[in-house]
Every structure is written in structure tokens, then in C-alpha cells.
């Protein structure tokens, strides 16, 4: 604050000793020291209050920024929800439309298939060998005994 050196302080002390006298000088020095201490504490408290206000202003600014960001993300999320709802509604409409359209099985009778005609990928000789009267169930030899398996049984040869 003030640029006071040792020589200036010594000059002030000598003048105070001459003006105030040796009896009152210690009392005035104590009072002056107490006042300077109060002044220092008051200045430190004002400085703390200013720092606290600056921090509160910064926090208010951060809070405002966070609220703006939250509102922006809330709007974006609302738009995404709206877009998803529209997509789901469109898909549901397509499914409903597909369900309302008649299917080929519902439009009329299925044409009869001749079992003697070969199907794509079949060998025509095997189809011709089977007659419509004989089912396509494999024949089983009923005279043969079923094989016995399990513990203690050996396959019969």
C-alpha cells in the first residue's frame, strides 16, 4: 500500500515521542495497533465476500449453462421420441395393411397335384414307380424281431 521504509518509521516514532510524550506513547501505539488489526480483518473479510460473490456468479453461470444444455437435450430427446413414434406408427400401419390383404391360400382352392408328375429336383423314375394307390410309407418286415439293446444284451447277428 504505502512504501514506508525503516528510516521513515524511525522519524515518525521520534516525532510521536516528542509530541505525545513518554507516558501516552505506549497507549497510543496499542490503540493504533488494534485499529490497524481491525482494518486488516475488515479488508480480509471484504476480500472474502468479493471472492465468494465471484464464485457464486460462476456457479450461477454454470447452473444456467447446465439448465440450457438439459433443455436442449430434453428437446432433442422429445424429437427422437416423436420420430420413433412416427416410425412405429408407420410400421404398424404397414403390418395392418398386410394383414388385411388377402393371401393366395384364402383366394381360392389349391389346385390338385398329380402324384405321378415329378417335382423340381426329384428323379422322375422314382415318382413313376410309385402308384397313386400305394402310400409313400416305407414297408417294414414284420417277421423280423426288434433288436435288443441295453446292458447285458449283445446284438444278435
Foldseek 3Di string as FASTA:
>chain_A
DDDDDPVNVVVVVVVCCVVVHPPCVVVVVVVVVVVVVVVVVVVVVVVVVVVVVVVVVVVVVVVVVVVVVVVVVVVVVVVVVVVVVVVVVVVVVVVVVVVPDDDPVPPDPDDDDDQLDDDPPDDNVVSVVDDPVDDPDDDDDPVDDDFDDDPPGDTDD
